[in-house]
C-alpha atoms as a PDB file:
ATOM      1  CA  UNK A   1       9.871 -17.097 -18.599  1.00  0.00           C
ATOM      2  CA  UNK A   2       6.881 -14.743 -18.813  1.00  0.00           C
ATOM      3  CA  UNK A   3       5.874 -12.272 -16.099  1.00  0.00           C
ATOM      4  CA  UNK A   4       2.359 -12.511 -14.744  1.00  0.00           C
ATOM      5  CA  UNK A   5       1.050  -9.937 -12.351  1.00  0.00           C
ATOM      6  CA  UNK A   6       1.006  -6.152 -11.835  1.00  0.00           C
ATOM      7  CA  UNK A   7       4.269  -5.207 -13.496  1.00  0.00           C
ATOM      8  CA  UNK A   8       3.695  -1.521 -12.994  1.00  0.00           C
ATOM      9  CA  UNK A   9       3.346  -1.916  -9.243  1.00  0.00           C
ATOM     10  CA  UNK A  10       6.499  -4.045  -9.103  1.00  0.00           C
ATOM     11  CA  UNK A  11       8.522  -1.559 -11.196  1.00  0.00           C
ATOM     12  CA  UNK A  12       7.415   1.349  -8.965  1.00  0.00           C
ATOM     13  CA  UNK A  13       9.088  -0.412  -6.023  1.00  0.00           C
ATOM     14  CA  UNK A  14      12.491  -0.383  -7.700  1.00  0.00           C
ATOM     15  CA  UNK A  15      14.802   2.156  -6.107  1.00  0.00           C
ATOM     16  CA  UNK A  16      18.216   3.531  -6.952  1.00  0.00           C
ATOM     17  CA  UNK A  17      21.231   4.019  -4.724  1.00  0.00           C
ATOM     18  CA  UNK A  18      22.825   7.457  -4.263  1.00  0.00           C
ATOM     19  CA  UNK A  19      25.432   6.481  -6.896  1.00  0.00           C
ATOM     20  CA  UNK A  20      22.650   5.937  -9.462  1.00  0.00           C
ATOM     21  CA  UNK A  21      22.890   2.126  -9.557  1.00  0.00           C
ATOM     22  CA  UNK A  22      19.838  -0.024  -8.953  1.00  0.00           C
ATOM     23  CA  UNK A  23      19.206  -1.095  -5.373  1.00  0.00           C
ATOM     24  CA  UNK A  24      19.101  -4.859  -5.849  1.00  0.00           C
ATOM     25  CA  UNK A  25      17.242  -5.255  -2.568  1.00  0.00           C
ATOM     26  CA  UNK A  26      14.309  -3.415  -4.088  1.00  0.00           C
ATOM     27  CA  UNK A  27      14.189  -5.531  -7.252  1.00  0.00           C
ATOM     28  CA  UNK A  28      11.169  -7.857  -7.690  1.00  0.00           C
ATOM     29  CA  UNK A  29      12.147 -11.459  -6.840  1.00  0.00           C
ATOM     30  CA  UNK A  30      11.039 -12.477 -10.338  1.00  0.00           C
ATOM     31  CA  UNK A  31      13.881 -10.396 -11.818  1.00  0.00           C
ATOM     32  CA  UNK A  32      16.709 -11.581  -9.564  1.00  0.00           C
ATOM     33  CA  UNK A  33      18.763 -14.735  -9.993  1.00  0.00           C
ATOM     34  CA  UNK A  34      19.463 -17.049  -7.068  1.00  0.00           C
ATOM     35  CA  UNK A  35      22.951 -15.526  -6.871  1.00  0.00           C
ATOM     36  CA  UNK A  36      21.475 -12.052  -6.479  1.00  0.00           C
ATOM     37  CA  UNK A  37      22.157 -10.719  -9.977  1.00  0.00           C
ATOM     38  CA  UNK A  38      19.613  -9.143 -12.290  1.00  0.00           C
ATOM     39  CA  UNK A  39      17.933 -11.553 -14.676  1.00  0.00           C
ATOM     40  CA  UNK A  40      17.785  -9.425 -17.827  1.00  0.00           C
ATOM     41  CA  UNK A  41      15.379 -11.807 -19.615  1.00  0.00           C
ATOM     42  CA  UNK A  42      12.994 -11.556 -16.686  1.00  0.00           C
ATOM     43  CA  UNK A  43      13.320  -7.748 -16.653  1.00  0.00           C
ATOM     44  CA  UNK A  44      12.491  -7.596 -20.392  1.00  0.00           C
ATOM     45  CA  UNK A  45       9.433  -9.774 -19.765  1.00  0.00           C
ATOM     46  CA  UNK A  46       8.279  -7.588 -16.883  1.00  0.00           C
ATOM     47  CA  UNK A  47       8.870  -4.379 -18.864  1.00  0.00           C
ATOM     48  CA  UNK A  48       6.930  -5.799 -21.838  1.00  0.00           C
ATOM     49  CA  UNK A  49       3.989  -6.585 -19.553  1.00  0.00           C
ATOM     50  CA  UNK A  50       4.258  -3.115 -17.998  1.00  0.00           C
ATOM     51  CA  UNK A  51       4.009  -1.485 -21.444  1.00  0.00           C
ATOM     52  CA  UNK A  52       0.997  -3.633 -22.267  1.00  0.00           C
ATOM     53  CA  UNK A  53      -0.662  -2.649 -18.989  1.00  0.00           C
ATOM     54  CA  UNK A  54       0.008   1.035 -19.649  1.00  0.00           C
ATOM     55  CA  UNK A  55      -1.422   0.759 -23.162  1.00  0.00           C
ATOM     56  CA  UNK A  56      -4.554  -0.819 -21.724  1.00  0.00           C
ATOM     57  CA  UNK A  57      -4.884   2.025 -19.238  1.00  0.00           C
ATOM     58  CA  UNK A  58      -4.340   4.627 -21.988  1.00  0.00           C
ATOM     59  CA  UNK A  59      -6.932   3.009 -24.247  1.00  0.00           C
ATOM     60  CA  UNK A  60      -9.497   3.073 -21.440  1.00  0.00           C
ATOM     61  CA  UNK A  61      -8.798   6.722 -20.786  1.00  0.00           C
ATOM     62  CA  UNK A  62      -9.076   7.575 -24.472  1.00  0.00           C
ATOM     63  CA  UNK A  63     -12.457   5.819 -24.717  1.00  0.00           C
ATOM     64  CA  UNK A  64     -13.807   7.999 -21.872  1.00  0.00           C
ATOM     65  CA  UNK A  65     -13.090  11.207 -23.798  1.00  0.00           C
END
């Protein structure tokens, strides 16, 4: 399973509840199992893609300077 898409935008949508736990209703569908639990493998994939996207943005910004 490999995430494709704008991982940063999806991660920005994730909210927390007042008790500090993740609001599962705000989780990207890619990262939720059919039973409503978090799919940790999918989350790792999404986070990996988000880091890659952030590195690409950073490299572009560094080239402008």
